[in-house]
């Protein structure tokens, strides 16, 4: 165990994941101070999970499922972001 938890769950960095989720939520009308609220809540959730895994605070049987879910979320939001970039740069809006 380290003194400070890594800000990653498995191979997924928490901060870019939170940024990606907030960007995704903006597409559905989230704006203003709600972006900050969403960032804080998601940061607490994913940061807490990362810390819990790093410090062995979570049940060992749950960790593979948490890593699986976070990895799946990260791939989904990455693909959505790439689609949005491609649509903006090369497609019609």
C-alpha atoms as a PDB file:
ATOM      1  CA  UNK A   1       0.000   0.000   0.000  1.00  0.00           C
ATOM      2  CA  UNK A   2       1.118   3.501  -0.740  1.00  0.00           C
ATOM      3  CA  UNK A   3       0.708   6.624   1.346  1.00  0.00           C
ATOM      4  CA  UNK A   4      -1.493   8.210  -1.332  1.00  0.00           C
ATOM      5  CA  UNK A   5      -3.929   6.309  -3.484  1.00  0.00           C
ATOM      6  CA  UNK A   6      -3.303   6.277  -7.188  1.00  0.00           C
ATOM      7  CA  UNK A   7      -6.037   8.144  -8.985  1.00  0.00           C
ATOM      8  CA  UNK A   8      -6.779   5.147 -11.165  1.00  0.00           C
ATOM      9  CA  UNK A   9      -9.064   2.155 -11.059  1.00  0.00           C
ATOM     10  CA  UNK A  10      -7.334  -0.665 -12.849  1.00  0.00           C
ATOM     11  CA  UNK A  11      -5.812   1.009 -15.885  1.00  0.00           C
ATOM     12  CA  UNK A  12      -8.374   3.834 -16.019  1.00  0.00           C
ATOM     13  CA  UNK A  13      -7.376   7.266 -14.725  1.00  0.00           C
ATOM     14  CA  UNK A  14     -10.173   8.780 -12.644  1.00  0.00           C
ATOM     15  CA  UNK A  15      -9.815  12.450 -13.621  1.00  0.00           C
ATOM     16  CA  UNK A  16     -10.197  12.006 -17.405  1.00  0.00           C
ATOM     17  CA  UNK A  17     -13.097   9.626 -16.769  1.00  0.00           C
ATOM     18  CA  UNK A  18     -14.913  12.249 -14.685  1.00  0.00           C
ATOM     19  CA  UNK A  19     -14.212  14.903 -17.328  1.00  0.00           C
ATOM     20  CA  UNK A  20     -15.575  12.606 -20.033  1.00  0.00           C
ATOM     21  CA  UNK A  21     -18.754  11.873 -18.100  1.00  0.00           C
ATOM     22  CA  UNK A  22     -19.362  15.581 -17.413  1.00  0.00           C
ATOM     23  CA  UNK A  23     -18.803  16.406 -21.097  1.00  0.00           C
ATOM     24  CA  UNK A  24     -21.317  13.680 -21.975  1.00  0.00           C
ATOM     25  CA  UNK A  25     -23.834  15.095 -19.503  1.00  0.00           C
ATOM     26  CA  UNK A  26     -23.454  18.544 -21.088  1.00  0.00           C
ATOM     27  CA  UNK A  27     -24.906  17.088 -24.297  1.00  0.00           C
ATOM     28  CA  UNK A  28     -28.110  16.446 -22.331  1.00  0.00           C
ATOM     29  CA  UNK A  29     -28.434  19.979 -20.987  1.00  0.00           C
ATOM     30  CA  UNK A  30     -26.289  19.950 -17.847  1.00  0.00           C
ATOM     31  CA  UNK A  31     -24.854  23.442 -17.483  1.00  0.00           C
ATOM     32  CA  UNK A  32     -23.630  26.109 -15.116  1.00  0.00           C
ATOM     33  CA  UNK A  33     -23.098  25.140 -11.506  1.00  0.00           C
ATOM     34  CA  UNK A  34     -24.547  21.692 -12.162  1.00  0.00           C
ATOM     35  CA  UNK A  35     -21.335  20.853 -14.044  1.00  0.00           C
ATOM     36  CA  UNK A  36     -19.403  21.560 -10.850  1.00  0.00           C
ATOM     37  CA  UNK A  37     -21.831  19.523  -8.758  1.00  0.00           C
ATOM     38  CA  UNK A  38     -21.588  16.589 -11.165  1.00  0.00           C
ATOM     39  CA  UNK A  39     -17.783  16.831 -11.167  1.00  0.00           C
ATOM     40  CA  UNK A  40     -17.607  16.826  -7.375  1.00  0.00           C
ATOM     41  CA  UNK A  41     -20.053  13.935  -6.974  1.00  0.00           C
ATOM     42  CA  UNK A  42     -18.366  11.843  -9.654  1.00  0.00           C
ATOM     43  CA  UNK A  43     -14.951  12.705  -8.224  1.00  0.00           C
ATOM     44  CA  UNK A  44     -16.052  11.545  -4.788  1.00  0.00           C
ATOM     45  CA  UNK A  45     -17.477   8.300  -6.173  1.00  0.00           C
ATOM     46  CA  UNK A  46     -14.585   7.357  -8.454  1.00  0.00           C
ATOM     47  CA  UNK A  47     -11.902   8.813  -6.183  1.00  0.00           C
ATOM     48  CA  UNK A  48     -13.423   6.917  -3.260  1.00  0.00           C
ATOM     49  CA  UNK A  49     -13.435   3.700  -5.270  1.00  0.00           C
ATOM     50  CA  UNK A  50      -9.804   4.219  -6.304  1.00  0.00           C
ATOM     51  CA  UNK A  51      -8.790   4.897  -2.712  1.00  0.00           C
ATOM     52  CA  UNK A  52     -10.813   1.959  -1.426  1.00  0.00           C
ATOM     53  CA  UNK A  53      -9.156  -0.401  -3.892  1.00  0.00           C
ATOM     54  CA  UNK A  54      -5.665   0.982  -3.218  1.00  0.00           C
ATOM     55  CA  UNK A  55      -6.035   0.748   0.558  1.00  0.00           C
ATOM     56  CA  UNK A  56      -7.790  -2.666   0.503  1.00  0.00           C
ATOM     57  CA  UNK A  57     -10.952  -1.222   2.058  1.00  0.00           C
ATOM     58  CA  UNK A  58     -13.332  -2.931  -0.364  1.00  0.00           C
ATOM     59  CA  UNK A  59     -14.224  -6.615  -0.458  1.00  0.00           C
ATOM     60  CA  UNK A  60     -11.773  -8.487  -2.666  1.00  0.00           C
ATOM     61  CA  UNK A  61     -14.603 -10.208  -4.546  1.00  0.00           C
ATOM     62  CA  UNK A  62     -16.073  -6.834  -5.610  1.00  0.00           C
ATOM     63  CA  UNK A  63     -12.867  -5.335  -7.034  1.00  0.00           C
ATOM     64  CA  UNK A  64     -12.859  -7.175 -10.402  1.00  0.00           C
ATOM     65  CA  UNK A  65     -16.461  -6.089 -11.009  1.00  0.00           C
ATOM     66  CA  UNK A  66     -15.690  -2.477 -10.111  1.00  0.00           C
ATOM     67  CA  UNK A  67     -12.684  -2.487 -12.452  1.00  0.00           C
ATOM     68  CA  UNK A  68     -14.807  -4.084 -15.195  1.00  0.00           C
ATOM     69  CA  UNK A  69     -17.565  -1.468 -14.833  1.00  0.00           C
ATOM     70  CA  UNK A  70     -15.134   1.460 -14.769  1.00  0.00           C
ATOM     71  CA  UNK A  71     -13.238   0.115 -17.788  1.00  0.00           C
ATOM     72  CA  UNK A  72     -16.498  -0.347 -19.711  1.00  0.00           C
ATOM     73  CA  UNK A  73     -17.586   3.204 -18.819  1.00  0.00           C
ATOM     74  CA  UNK A  74     -14.263   4.625 -19.946  1.00  0.00           C
ATOM     75  CA  UNK A  75     -14.404   2.843 -23.294  1.00  0.00           C
ATOM     76  CA  UNK A  76     -17.999   3.944 -23.836  1.00  0.00           C
ATOM     77  CA  UNK A  77     -17.277   7.590 -23.089  1.00  0.00           C
ATOM     78  CA  UNK A  78     -14.064   7.509 -25.138  1.00  0.00           C
ATOM     79  CA  UNK A  79     -15.953   6.185 -28.149  1.00  0.00           C
ATOM     80  CA  UNK A  80     -18.701   8.781 -27.690  1.00  0.00           C
ATOM     81  CA  UNK A  81     -16.062  11.514 -27.547  1.00  0.00           C
ATOM     82  CA  UNK A  82     -14.322  10.266 -30.670  1.00  0.00           C
ATOM     83  CA  UNK A  83     -17.644  10.073 -32.480  1.00  0.00           C
ATOM     84  CA  UNK A  84     -18.422  13.651 -31.458  1.00  0.00           C
ATOM     85  CA  UNK A  85     -15.007  14.877 -32.627  1.00  0.00           C
ATOM     86  CA  UNK A  86     -15.386  13.062 -35.941  1.00  0.00           C
ATOM     87  CA  UNK A  87     -18.885  14.408 -36.456  1.00  0.00           C
ATOM     88  CA  UNK A  88     -17.773  17.953 -35.669  1.00  0.00           C
ATOM     89  CA  UNK A  89     -14.643  17.858 -37.841  1.00  0.00           C
ATOM     90  CA  UNK A  90     -15.758  15.732 -40.783  1.00  0.00           C
ATOM     91  CA  UNK A  91     -19.521  15.337 -40.732  1.00  0.00           C
ATOM     92  CA  UNK A  92     -22.541  17.529 -40.761  1.00  0.00           C
ATOM     93  CA  UNK A  93     -23.898  19.007 -37.568  1.00  0.00           C
END
